[in-house]
Amino acid sequence: MACGDQVKIQITTWVWCLKWGFIPWRCQKTVTVTRYHYIFLPWKTEFAFFQNKYSGCCGNTLYEWTTGFAFFGTGNGPWVYEQADLYLEGLATSKGSCPISTTFG
């Protein structure tokens, strides 16, 4: 299970390029970046002001991470029992052991 494994991935985005040196033109740019791979199951949203804040279990460890921007926060949500396969820009913060059993079946 991926819990903070450092990996290199390629990200492709649209950027403005110059054609013939002076005409703006949309083109794709691909860069290789380093990310940290996590597979969270289960996970949930938590209240946070001006950011998207989440908690989730990877293995038997509870992690916390933030992404993006939210004007009034994400609110407190229920545990979601759907796998979240994420590549985070930084390491998620370990918060101890997972409060929910992650074995199913």
PDB file of N, CA and C in Angstrom:
ATOM      1  N   MET A   1       0.845  -1.190   0.000  1.00  0.00           N
ATOM      2  CA  MET A   1       0.000   0.000   0.000  1.00  0.00           C
ATOM      3  C   MET A   1       0.881   1.240   0.000  1.00  0.00           C
ATOM      4  N   ALA A   2       0.497   2.217  -0.794  1.00  0.00           N
ATOM      5  CA  ALA A   2       1.282   3.444  -0.917  1.00  0.00           C
ATOM      6  C   ALA A   2       0.937   4.419   0.201  1.00  0.00           C
ATOM      7  N   CYS A   3       1.906   4.658   1.061  1.00  0.00           N
ATOM      8  CA  CYS A   3       1.712   5.606   2.157  1.00  0.00           C
ATOM      9  C   CYS A   3       2.902   6.554   2.212  1.00  0.00           C
ATOM     10  N   GLY A   4       2.928   7.511   1.302  1.00  0.00           N
ATOM     11  CA  GLY A   4       4.008   8.493   1.286  1.00  0.00           C
ATOM     12  C   GLY A   4       5.195   8.093   0.448  1.00  0.00           C
ATOM     13  N   ASP A   5       5.010   7.149  -0.485  1.00  0.00           N
ATOM     14  CA  ASP A   5       6.107   6.765  -1.372  1.00  0.00           C
ATOM     15  C   ASP A   5       6.431   7.922  -2.312  1.00  0.00           C
ATOM     16  N   GLN A   6       7.707   8.262  -2.425  1.00  0.00           N
ATOM     17  CA  GLN A   6       8.119   9.346  -3.306  1.00  0.00           C
ATOM     18  C   GLN A   6       8.207   8.814  -4.736  1.00  0.00           C
ATOM     19  N   VAL A   7       7.475   9.460  -5.654  1.00  0.00           N
ATOM     20  CA  VAL A   7       7.452   9.031  -7.055  1.00  0.00           C
ATOM     21  C   VAL A   7       7.605  10.246  -7.958  1.00  0.00           C
ATOM     22  N   LYS A   8       8.045  10.002  -9.171  1.00  0.00           N
ATOM     23  CA  LYS A   8       8.133  11.055 -10.187  1.00  0.00           C
ATOM     24  C   LYS A   8       7.007  10.818 -11.184  1.00  0.00           C
ATOM     25  N   ILE A   9       6.208  11.856 -11.440  1.00  0.00           N
ATOM     26  CA  ILE A   9       5.115  11.751 -12.397  1.00  0.00           C
ATOM     27  C   ILE A   9       5.219  12.909 -13.381  1.00  0.00           C
ATOM     28  N   GLN A  10       4.567  12.736 -14.532  1.00  0.00           N
ATOM     29  CA  GLN A  10       4.541  13.790 -15.531  1.00  0.00           C
ATOM     30  C   GLN A  10       3.189  14.486 -15.496  1.00  0.00           C
ATOM     31  N   ILE A  11       3.226  15.813 -15.519  1.00  0.00           N
ATOM     32  CA  ILE A  11       2.020  16.627 -15.520  1.00  0.00           C
ATOM     33  C   ILE A  11       2.014  17.457 -16.795  1.00  0.00           C
ATOM     34  N   THR A  12       0.902  17.392 -17.528  1.00  0.00           N
ATOM     35  CA  THR A  12       0.755  18.154 -18.764  1.00  0.00           C
ATOM     36  C   THR A  12      -0.286  19.241 -18.551  1.00  0.00           C
ATOM     37  N   THR A  13       0.076  20.489 -18.875  1.00  0.00           N
ATOM     38  CA  THR A  13      -0.836  21.621 -18.745  1.00  0.00           C
ATOM     39  C   THR A  13      -0.819  22.457 -20.026  1.00  0.00           C
ATOM     40  N   TRP A  14      -1.851  23.250 -20.187  1.00  0.00           N
ATOM     41  CA  TRP A  14      -1.909  24.186 -21.311  1.00  0.00           C
ATOM     42  C   TRP A  14      -1.299  25.512 -20.869  1.00  0.00           C
ATOM     43  N   VAL A  15      -0.402  26.063 -21.689  1.00  0.00           N
ATOM     44  CA  VAL A  15       0.255  27.335 -21.400  1.00  0.00           C
ATOM     45  C   VAL A  15       0.235  28.201 -22.663  1.00  0.00           C
ATOM     46  N   TRP A  16       0.567  29.473 -22.493  1.00  0.00           N
ATOM     47  CA  TRP A  16       0.686  30.365 -23.643  1.00  0.00           C
ATOM     48  C   TRP A  16       2.105  30.302 -24.180  1.00  0.00           C
ATOM     49  N   CYS A  17       2.229  30.015 -25.467  1.00  0.00           N
ATOM     50  CA  CYS A  17       3.518  30.003 -26.152  1.00  0.00           C
ATOM     51  C   CYS A  17       3.495  31.096 -27.206  1.00  0.00           C
ATOM     52  N   LEU A  18       4.656  31.408 -27.763  1.00  0.00           N
ATOM     53  CA  LEU A  18       4.728  32.394 -28.831  1.00  0.00           C
ATOM     54  C   LEU A  18       5.079  31.687 -30.137  1.00  0.00           C
ATOM     55  N   LYS A  19       4.220  31.873 -31.134  1.00  0.00           N
ATOM     56  CA  LYS A  19       4.465  31.297 -32.450  1.00  0.00           C
ATOM     57  C   LYS A  19       5.137  32.369 -33.307  1.00  0.00           C
ATOM     58  N   TRP A  20       6.210  32.016 -33.976  1.00  0.00           N
ATOM     59  CA  TRP A  20       7.035  32.930 -34.777  1.00  0.00           C
ATOM     60  C   TRP A  20       7.586  34.068 -33.922  1.00  0.00           C
ATOM     61  N   GLY A  21       7.662  33.831 -32.630  1.00  0.00           N
ATOM     62  CA  GLY A  21       8.281  34.799 -31.739  1.00  0.00           C
ATOM     63  C   GLY A  21       7.392  35.910 -31.232  1.00  0.00           C
ATOM     64  N   PHE A  22       6.158  36.058 -31.777  1.00  0.00           N
ATOM     65  CA  PHE A  22       5.326  37.184 -31.323  1.00  0.00           C
ATOM     66  C   PHE A  22       3.821  36.901 -31.303  1.00  0.00           C
ATOM     67  N   ILE A  23       3.345  35.776 -31.832  1.00  0.00           N
ATOM     68  CA  ILE A  23       1.917  35.477 -31.838  1.00  0.00           C
ATOM     69  C   ILE A  23       1.597  34.532 -30.679  1.00  0.00           C
ATOM     70  N   PRO A  24       0.717  34.989 -29.732  1.00  0.00           N
ATOM     71  CA  PRO A  24       0.346  34.100 -28.613  1.00  0.00           C
ATOM     72  C   PRO A  24      -0.395  32.857 -29.130  1.00  0.00           C
ATOM     73  N   TRP A  25      -0.038  31.721 -28.594  1.00  0.00           N
ATOM     74  CA  TRP A  25      -0.585  30.452 -29.062  1.00  0.00           C
ATOM     75  C   TRP A  25      -0.684  29.507 -27.875  1.00  0.00           C
ATOM     76  N   ARG A  26      -1.799  28.785 -27.766  1.00  0.00           N
ATOM     77  CA  ARG A  26      -1.941  27.813 -26.673  1.00  0.00           C
ATOM     78  C   ARG A  26      -1.207  26.531 -27.054  1.00  0.00           C
ATOM     79  N   CYS A  27      -0.366  26.043 -26.153  1.00  0.00           N
ATOM     80  CA  CYS A  27       0.345  24.792 -26.394  1.00  0.00           C
ATOM     81  C   CYS A  27       0.444  24.009 -25.085  1.00  0.00           C
ATOM     82  N   GLN A  28       0.754  22.741 -25.205  1.00  0.00           N
ATOM     83  CA  GLN A  28       0.889  21.894 -24.020  1.00  0.00           C
ATOM     84  C   GLN A  28       2.344  21.867 -23.563  1.00  0.00           C
ATOM     85  N   LYS A  29       2.510  21.858 -22.243  1.00  0.00           N
ATOM     86  CA  LYS A  29       3.830  21.755 -21.652  1.00  0.00           C
ATOM     87  C   LYS A  29       3.805  20.601 -20.663  1.00  0.00           C
ATOM     88  N   THR A  30       4.763  19.696 -20.774  1.00  0.00           N
ATOM     89  CA  THR A  30       4.849  18.553 -19.872  1.00  0.00           C
ATOM     90  C   THR A  30       6.100  18.691 -19.017  1.00  0.00           C
ATOM     91  N   VAL A  31       5.908  18.560 -17.710  1.00  0.00           N
ATOM     92  CA  VAL A  31       7.026  18.615 -16.776  1.00  0.00           C
ATOM     93  C   VAL A  31       7.002  17.374 -15.893  1.00  0.00           C
ATOM     94  N   THR A  32       8.168  16.964 -15.435  1.00  0.00           N
ATOM     95  CA  THR A  32       8.277  15.846 -14.494  1.00  0.00           C
ATOM     96  C   THR A  32       8.457  16.422 -13.098  1.00  0.00           C
ATOM     97  N   VAL A  33       7.591  16.006 -12.171  1.00  0.00           N
ATOM     98  CA  VAL A  33       7.626  16.521 -10.803  1.00  0.00           C
ATOM     99  C   VAL A  33       7.685  15.358  -9.814  1.00  0.00           C
ATOM    100  N   THR A  34       8.131  15.668  -8.608  1.00  0.00           N
ATOM    101  CA  THR A  34       8.160  14.685  -7.535  1.00  0.00           C
ATOM    102  C   THR A  34       6.918  14.854  -6.674  1.00  0.00           C
ATOM    103  N   ARG A  35       6.215  13.761  -6.419  1.00  0.00           N
ATOM    104  CA  ARG A  35       5.018  13.777  -5.595  1.00  0.00           C
ATOM    105  C   ARG A  35       5.089  12.618  -4.596  1.00  0.00           C
ATOM    106  N   TYR A  36       4.192  12.626  -3.610  1.00  0.00           N
ATOM    107  CA  TYR A  36       4.111  11.576  -2.602  1.00  0.00           C
ATOM    108  C   TYR A  36       2.796  10.834  -2.794  1.00  0.00           C
ATOM    109  N   HIS A  37       2.884   9.535  -3.012  1.00  0.00           N
ATOM    110  CA  HIS A  37       1.728   8.726  -3.361  1.00  0.00           C
ATOM    111  C   HIS A  37       1.089   8.147  -2.109  1.00  0.00           C
ATOM    112  N   TYR A  38      -0.227   8.356  -1.983  1.00  0.00           N
ATOM    113  CA  TYR A  38      -1.012   7.815  -0.875  1.00  0.00           C
ATOM    114  C   TYR A  38      -2.270   7.153  -1.426  1.00  0.00           C
ATOM    115  N   ILE A  39      -2.699   6.075  -0.797  1.00  0.00           N
ATOM    116  CA  ILE A  39      -3.989   5.467  -1.077  1.00  0.00           C
ATOM    117  C   ILE A  39      -4.771   5.489   0.241  1.00  0.00           C
ATOM    118  N   PHE A  40      -5.747   6.399   0.318  1.00  0.00           N
ATOM    119  CA  PHE A  40      -6.527   6.566   1.543  1.00  0.00           C
ATOM    120  C   PHE A  40      -7.835   5.790   1.445  1.00  0.00           C
ATOM    121  N   LEU A  41      -8.143   5.046   2.501  1.00  0.00           N
ATOM    122  CA  LEU A  41      -9.406   4.316   2.603  1.00  0.00           C
ATOM    123  C   LEU A  41      -9.652   3.985   4.068  1.00  0.00           C
ATOM    124  N   PRO A  42     -10.619   4.538   4.718  1.00  0.00           N
ATOM    125  CA  PRO A  42     -11.554   5.579   4.322  1.00  0.00           C
ATOM    126  C   PRO A  42     -10.929   6.960   4.494  1.00  0.00           C
ATOM    127  N   TRP A  43     -11.672   8.009   4.088  1.00  0.00           N
ATOM    128  CA  TRP A  43     -11.225   9.391   4.238  1.00  0.00           C
ATOM    129  C   TRP A  43     -12.442  10.281   4.479  1.00  0.00           C
ATOM    130  N   LYS A  44     -12.201  11.515   4.962  1.00  0.00           N
ATOM    131  CA  LYS A  44     -13.302  12.444   5.210  1.00  0.00           C
ATOM    132  C   LYS A  44     -12.812  13.881   5.118  1.00  0.00           C
ATOM    133  N   THR A  45     -13.755  14.792   4.905  1.00  0.00           N
ATOM    134  CA  THR A  45     -13.437  16.215   4.915  1.00  0.00           C
ATOM    135  C   THR A  45     -13.567  16.737   6.340  1.00  0.00           C
ATOM    136  N   GLU A  46     -12.832  17.791   6.629  1.00  0.00           N
ATOM    137  CA  GLU A  46     -12.899  18.424   7.945  1.00  0.00           C
ATOM    138  C   GLU A  46     -13.029  19.924   7.763  1.00  0.00           C
ATOM    139  N   PHE A  47     -13.556  20.611   8.777  1.00  0.00           N
ATOM    140  CA  PHE A  47     -13.698  22.049   8.689  1.00  0.00           C
ATOM    141  C   PHE A  47     -12.331  22.716   8.664  1.00  0.00           C
ATOM    142  N   ALA A  48     -12.161  23.651   7.771  1.00  0.00           N
ATOM    143  CA  ALA A  48     -10.937  24.441   7.701  1.00  0.00           C
ATOM    144  C   ALA A  48     -11.272  25.766   7.042  1.00  0.00           C
ATOM    145  N   PHE A  49     -10.759  26.844   7.574  1.00  0.00           N
ATOM    146  CA  PHE A  49     -11.033  28.163   7.023  1.00  0.00           C
ATOM    147  C   PHE A  49     -10.010  28.490   5.949  1.00  0.00           C
ATOM    148  N   PHE A  50     -10.471  28.779   4.744  1.00  0.00           N
ATOM    149  CA  PHE A  50      -9.660  29.153   3.586  1.00  0.00           C
ATOM    150  C   PHE A  50      -8.831  28.018   3.002  1.00  0.00           C
ATOM    151  N   GLN A  51      -9.161  26.759   3.292  1.00  0.00           N
ATOM    152  CA  GLN A  51      -8.444  25.641   2.678  1.00  0.00           C
ATOM    153  C   GLN A  51      -9.305  24.389   2.680  1.00  0.00           C
ATOM    154  N   ASN A  52      -9.013  23.473   1.801  1.00  0.00           N
ATOM    155  CA  ASN A  52      -9.676  22.168   1.795  1.00  0.00           C
ATOM    156  C   ASN A  52      -8.843  21.245   2.669  1.00  0.00           C
ATOM    157  N   LYS A  53      -9.417  20.755   3.751  1.00  0.00           N
ATOM    158  CA  LYS A  53      -8.685  19.933   4.718  1.00  0.00           C
ATOM    159  C   LYS A  53      -9.330  18.555   4.778  1.00  0.00           C
ATOM    160  N   TYR A  54      -8.503  17.521   4.813  1.00  0.00           N
ATOM    161  CA  TYR A  54      -8.983  16.142   4.798  1.00  0.00           C
ATOM    162  C   TYR A  54      -8.239  15.305   5.823  1.00  0.00           C
ATOM    163  N   SER A  55      -8.862  14.200   6.235  1.00  0.00           N
ATOM    164  CA  SER A  55      -8.227  13.163   7.046  1.00  0.00           C
ATOM    165  C   SER A  55      -8.513  11.843   6.380  1.00  0.00           C
ATOM    166  N   GLY A  56      -7.551  10.916   6.475  1.00  0.00           N
ATOM    167  CA  GLY A  56      -7.777   9.612   5.884  1.00  0.00           C
ATOM    168  C   GLY A  56      -6.820   8.583   6.430  1.00  0.00           C
ATOM    169  N   CYS A  57      -7.201   7.328   6.263  1.00  0.00           N
ATOM    170  CA  CYS A  57      -6.393   6.215   6.736  1.00  0.00           C
ATOM    171  C   CYS A  57      -5.625   5.597   5.578  1.00  0.00           C
ATOM    172  N   CYS A  58      -4.351   5.440   5.777  1.00  0.00           N
ATOM    173  CA  CYS A  58      -3.497   4.726   4.830  1.00  0.00           C
ATOM    174  C   CYS A  58      -2.836   3.631   5.654  1.00  0.00           C
ATOM    175  N   GLY A  59      -3.172   2.397   5.335  1.00  0.00           N
ATOM    176  CA  GLY A  59      -2.764   1.301   6.208  1.00  0.00           C
ATOM    177  C   GLY A  59      -3.535   1.446   7.511  1.00  0.00           C
ATOM    178  N   ASN A  60      -2.835   1.425   8.624  1.00  0.00           N
ATOM    179  CA  ASN A  60      -3.487   1.608   9.932  1.00  0.00           C
ATOM    180  C   ASN A  60      -3.139   2.955  10.555  1.00  0.00           C
ATOM    181  N   THR A  61      -2.641   3.893   9.734  1.00  0.00           N
ATOM    182  CA  THR A  61      -2.237   5.202  10.229  1.00  0.00           C
ATOM    183  C   THR A  61      -3.188   6.278   9.712  1.00  0.00           C
ATOM    184  N   LEU A  62      -3.574   7.201  10.587  1.00  0.00           N
ATOM    185  CA  LEU A  62      -4.419   8.326  10.228  1.00  0.00           C
ATOM    186  C   LEU A  62      -3.535   9.488   9.787  1.00  0.00           C
ATOM    187  N   TYR A  63      -3.836  10.053   8.610  1.00  0.00           N
ATOM    188  CA  TYR A  63      -3.087  11.184   8.076  1.00  0.00           C
ATOM    189  C   TYR A  63      -4.020  12.363   7.876  1.00  0.00           C
ATOM    190  N   GLU A  64      -3.431  13.551   7.818  1.00  0.00           N
ATOM    191  CA  GLU A  64      -4.164  14.780   7.559  1.00  0.00           C
ATOM    192  C   GLU A  64      -3.428  15.535   6.460  1.00  0.00           C
ATOM    193  N   TRP A  65      -4.192  16.139   5.515  1.00  0.00           N
ATOM    194  CA  TRP A  65      -3.573  16.897   4.447  1.00  0.00           C
ATOM    195  C   TRP A  65      -4.521  17.996   3.991  1.00  0.00           C
ATOM    196  N   THR A  66      -3.962  19.003   3.337  1.00  0.00           N
ATOM    197  CA  THR A  66      -4.759  20.110   2.816  1.00  0.00           C
ATOM    198  C   THR A  66      -4.466  20.277   1.328  1.00  0.00           C
ATOM    199  N   THR A  67      -5.473  20.752   0.598  1.00  0.00           N
ATOM    200  CA  THR A  67      -5.295  21.030  -0.824  1.00  0.00           C
ATOM    201  C   THR A  67      -6.104  22.260  -1.188  1.00  0.00           C
ATOM    202  N   GLY A  68      -5.636  22.988  -2.158  1.00  0.00           N
ATOM    203  CA  GLY A  68      -6.406  24.057  -2.767  1.00  0.00           C
ATOM    204  C   GLY A  68      -6.879  25.146  -1.833  1.00  0.00           C
ATOM    205  N   PHE A  69      -7.958  25.808  -2.252  1.00  0.00           N
ATOM    206  CA  PHE A  69      -8.498  26.964  -1.557  1.00  0.00           C
ATOM    207  C   PHE A  69     -10.008  26.815  -1.446  1.00  0.00           C
ATOM    208  N   ALA A  70     -10.537  27.119  -0.305  1.00  0.00           N
ATOM    209  CA  ALA A  70     -11.987  27.128  -0.096  1.00  0.00           C
ATOM    210  C   ALA A  70     -12.328  28.368   0.714  1.00  0.00           C
ATOM    211  N   PHE A  71     -13.266  29.174   0.234  1.00  0.00           N
ATOM    212  CA  PHE A  71     -13.561  30.442   0.896  1.00  0.00           C
ATOM    213  C   PHE A  71     -14.083  30.260   2.311  1.00  0.00           C
ATOM    214  N   PHE A  72     -14.999  29.311   2.529  1.00  0.00           N
ATOM    215  CA  PHE A  72     -15.546  29.102   3.866  1.00  0.00           C
ATOM    216  C   PHE A  72     -15.197  27.743   4.451  1.00  0.00           C
ATOM    217  N   GLY A  73     -14.278  27.007   3.870  1.00  0.00           N
ATOM    218  CA  GLY A  73     -13.907  25.709   4.393  1.00  0.00           C
ATOM    219  C   GLY A  73     -14.759  24.601   3.800  1.00  0.00           C
ATOM    220  N   THR A  74     -14.393  23.383   4.098  1.00  0.00           N
ATOM    221  CA  THR A  74     -15.059  22.234   3.500  1.00  0.00           C
ATOM    222  C   THR A  74     -16.184  21.686   4.364  1.00  0.00           C
ATOM    223  N   GLY A  75     -16.227  22.041   5.604  1.00  0.00           N
ATOM    224  CA  GLY A  75     -17.237  21.480   6.506  1.00  0.00           C
ATOM    225  C   GLY A  75     -16.806  20.116   7.012  1.00  0.00           C
ATOM    226  N   ASN A  76     -17.534  19.583   7.967  1.00  0.00           N
ATOM    227  CA  ASN A  76     -17.230  18.265   8.495  1.00  0.00           C
ATOM    228  C   ASN A  76     -18.089  17.240   7.780  1.00  0.00           C
ATOM    229  N   GLY A  77     -17.459  16.280   7.165  1.00  0.00           N
ATOM    230  CA  GLY A  77     -18.188  15.271   6.418  1.00  0.00           C
ATOM    231  C   GLY A  77     -18.083  13.900   7.059  1.00  0.00           C
ATOM    232  N   PRO A  78     -18.878  12.960   6.574  1.00  0.00           N
ATOM    233  CA  PRO A  78     -18.813  11.595   7.083  1.00  0.00           C
ATOM    234  C   PRO A  78     -17.606  10.867   6.492  1.00  0.00           C
ATOM    235  N   TRP A  79     -17.267   9.738   7.066  1.00  0.00           N
ATOM    236  CA  TRP A  79     -16.215   8.904   6.506  1.00  0.00           C
ATOM    237  C   TRP A  79     -16.695   8.347   5.171  1.00  0.00           C
ATOM    238  N   VAL A  80     -15.859   8.439   4.168  1.00  0.00           N
ATOM    239  CA  VAL A  80     -16.177   7.946   2.829  1.00  0.00           C
ATOM    240  C   VAL A  80     -15.403   6.652   2.615  1.00  0.00           C
ATOM    241  N   TYR A  81     -16.106   5.569   2.340  1.00  0.00           N
ATOM    242  CA  TYR A  81     -15.464   4.277   2.138  1.00  0.00           C
ATOM    243  C   TYR A  81     -15.242   4.023   0.659  1.00  0.00           C
ATOM    244  N   GLU A  82     -14.543   4.957   0.045  1.00  0.00           N
ATOM    245  CA  GLU A  82     -14.166   4.869  -1.357  1.00  0.00           C
ATOM    246  C   GLU A  82     -12.694   5.239  -1.429  1.00  0.00           C
ATOM    247  N   GLN A  83     -11.931   4.474  -2.159  1.00  0.00           N
ATOM    248  CA  GLN A  83     -10.489   4.672  -2.216  1.00  0.00           C
ATOM    249  C   GLN A  83     -10.134   6.007  -2.856  1.00  0.00           C
ATOM    250  N   ALA A  84      -9.253   6.761  -2.212  1.00  0.00           N
ATOM    251  CA  ALA A  84      -8.728   8.010  -2.747  1.00  0.00           C
ATOM    252  C   ALA A  84      -7.254   7.781  -3.064  1.00  0.00           C
ATOM    253  N   ASP A  85      -6.922   7.713  -4.336  1.00  0.00           N
ATOM    254  CA  ASP A  85      -5.555   7.482  -4.812  1.00  0.00           C
ATOM    255  C   ASP A  85      -4.963   8.845  -5.164  1.00  0.00           C
ATOM    256  N   LEU A  86      -4.102   9.398  -4.280  1.00  0.00           N
ATOM    257  CA  LEU A  86      -3.634  10.774  -4.429  1.00  0.00           C
ATOM    258  C   LEU A  86      -2.125  10.872  -4.569  1.00  0.00           C
ATOM    259  N   TYR A  87      -1.705  11.893  -5.294  1.00  0.00           N
ATOM    260  CA  TYR A  87      -0.297  12.253  -5.418  1.00  0.00           C
ATOM    261  C   TYR A  87      -0.158  13.660  -4.850  1.00  0.00           C
ATOM    262  N   LEU A  88       0.277  13.770  -3.590  1.00  0.00           N
ATOM    263  CA  LEU A  88       0.360  15.051  -2.893  1.00  0.00           C
ATOM    264  C   LEU A  88       1.711  15.718  -3.129  1.00  0.00           C
ATOM    265  N   GLU A  89       1.714  17.061  -3.093  1.00  0.00           N
ATOM    266  CA  GLU A  89       2.956  17.810  -3.292  1.00  0.00           C
ATOM    267  C   GLU A  89       3.912  17.667  -2.117  1.00  0.00           C
ATOM    268  N   GLY A  90       3.391  17.440  -0.926  1.00  0.00           N
ATOM    269  CA  GLY A  90       4.216  17.261   0.263  1.00  0.00           C
ATOM    270  C   GLY A  90       3.732  16.068   1.062  1.00  0.00           C
ATOM    271  N   LEU A  91       4.489  15.700   2.072  1.00  0.00           N
ATOM    272  CA  LEU A  91       4.088  14.577   2.913  1.00  0.00           C
ATOM    273  C   LEU A  91       2.866  14.937   3.749  1.00  0.00           C
ATOM    274  N   ALA A  92       1.937  14.023   3.870  1.00  0.00           N
ATOM    275  CA  ALA A  92       0.781  14.212   4.741  1.00  0.00           C
ATOM    276  C   ALA A  92       1.242  14.092   6.191  1.00  0.00           C
ATOM    277  N   THR A  93       0.534  14.760   7.093  1.00  0.00           N
ATOM    278  CA  THR A  93       0.886  14.746   8.508  1.00  0.00           C
ATOM    279  C   THR A  93       0.271  13.536   9.191  1.00  0.00           C
ATOM    280  N   SER A  94       1.104  12.748   9.854  1.00  0.00           N
ATOM    281  CA  SER A  94       0.620  11.577  10.581  1.00  0.00           C
ATOM    282  C   SER A  94      -0.041  12.034  11.881  1.00  0.00           C
ATOM    283  N   LYS A  95      -1.253  11.512  12.158  1.00  0.00           N
ATOM    284  CA  LYS A  95      -2.002  11.897  13.352  1.00  0.00           C
ATOM    285  C   LYS A  95      -2.228  10.731  14.311  1.00  0.00           C
ATOM    286  N   GLY A  96      -1.536   9.621  14.108  1.00  0.00           N
ATOM    287  CA  GLY A  96      -1.705   8.477  14.995  1.00  0.00           C
ATOM    288  C   GLY A  96      -2.330   7.304  14.276  1.00  0.00           C
ATOM    289  N   SER A  97      -2.934   6.414  15.052  1.00  0.00           N
ATOM    290  CA  SER A  97      -3.541   5.232  14.434  1.00  0.00           C
ATOM    291  C   SER A  97      -4.957   5.549  13.953  1.00  0.00           C
ATOM    292  N   CYS A  98      -5.379   4.811  12.941  1.00  0.00           N
ATOM    293  CA  CYS A  98      -6.684   5.020  12.326  1.00  0.00           C
ATOM    294  C   CYS A  98      -7.794   4.659  13.318  1.00  0.00           C
ATOM    295  N   PRO A  99      -8.790   5.543  13.503  1.00  0.00           N
ATOM    296  CA  PRO A  99      -9.854   5.276  14.470  1.00  0.00           C
ATOM    297  C   PRO A  99     -10.896   4.285  13.954  1.00  0.00           C
ATOM    298  N   ILE A 100     -10.796   3.901  12.683  1.00  0.00           N
ATOM    299  CA  ILE A 100     -11.772   3.001  12.067  1.00  0.00           C
ATOM    300  C   ILE A 100     -11.046   1.780  11.534  1.00  0.00           C
ATOM    301  N   SER A 101     -11.637   0.616  11.696  1.00  0.00           N
ATOM    302  CA  SER A 101     -11.052  -0.606  11.163  1.00  0.00           C
ATOM    303  C   SER A 101     -11.002  -0.517   9.645  1.00  0.00           C
ATOM    304  N   THR A 102      -9.833  -0.777   9.054  1.00  0.00           N
ATOM    305  CA  THR A 102      -9.681  -0.703   7.611  1.00  0.00           C
ATOM    306  C   THR A 102      -9.732  -2.074   6.945  1.00  0.00           C
ATOM    307  N   THR A 103     -10.163  -3.085   7.698  1.00  0.00           N
ATOM    308  CA  THR A 103     -10.336  -4.401   7.092  1.00  0.00           C
ATOM    309  C   THR A 103     -11.801  -4.577   6.767  1.00  0.00           C
ATOM    310  N   PHE A 104     -12.088  -5.024   5.557  1.00  0.00           N
ATOM    311  CA  PHE A 104     -13.467  -5.177   5.112  1.00  0.00           C
ATOM    312  C   PHE A 104     -13.701  -6.618   4.708  1.00  0.00           C
ATOM    313  N   GLY A 105     -14.950  -7.014   4.733  1.00  0.00           N
ATOM    314  CA  GLY A 105     -15.296  -8.353   4.248  1.00  0.00           C
ATOM    315  C   GLY A 105     -15.715  -9.240   5.288  1.00  0.00           C
TER     316      GLY A 105
END
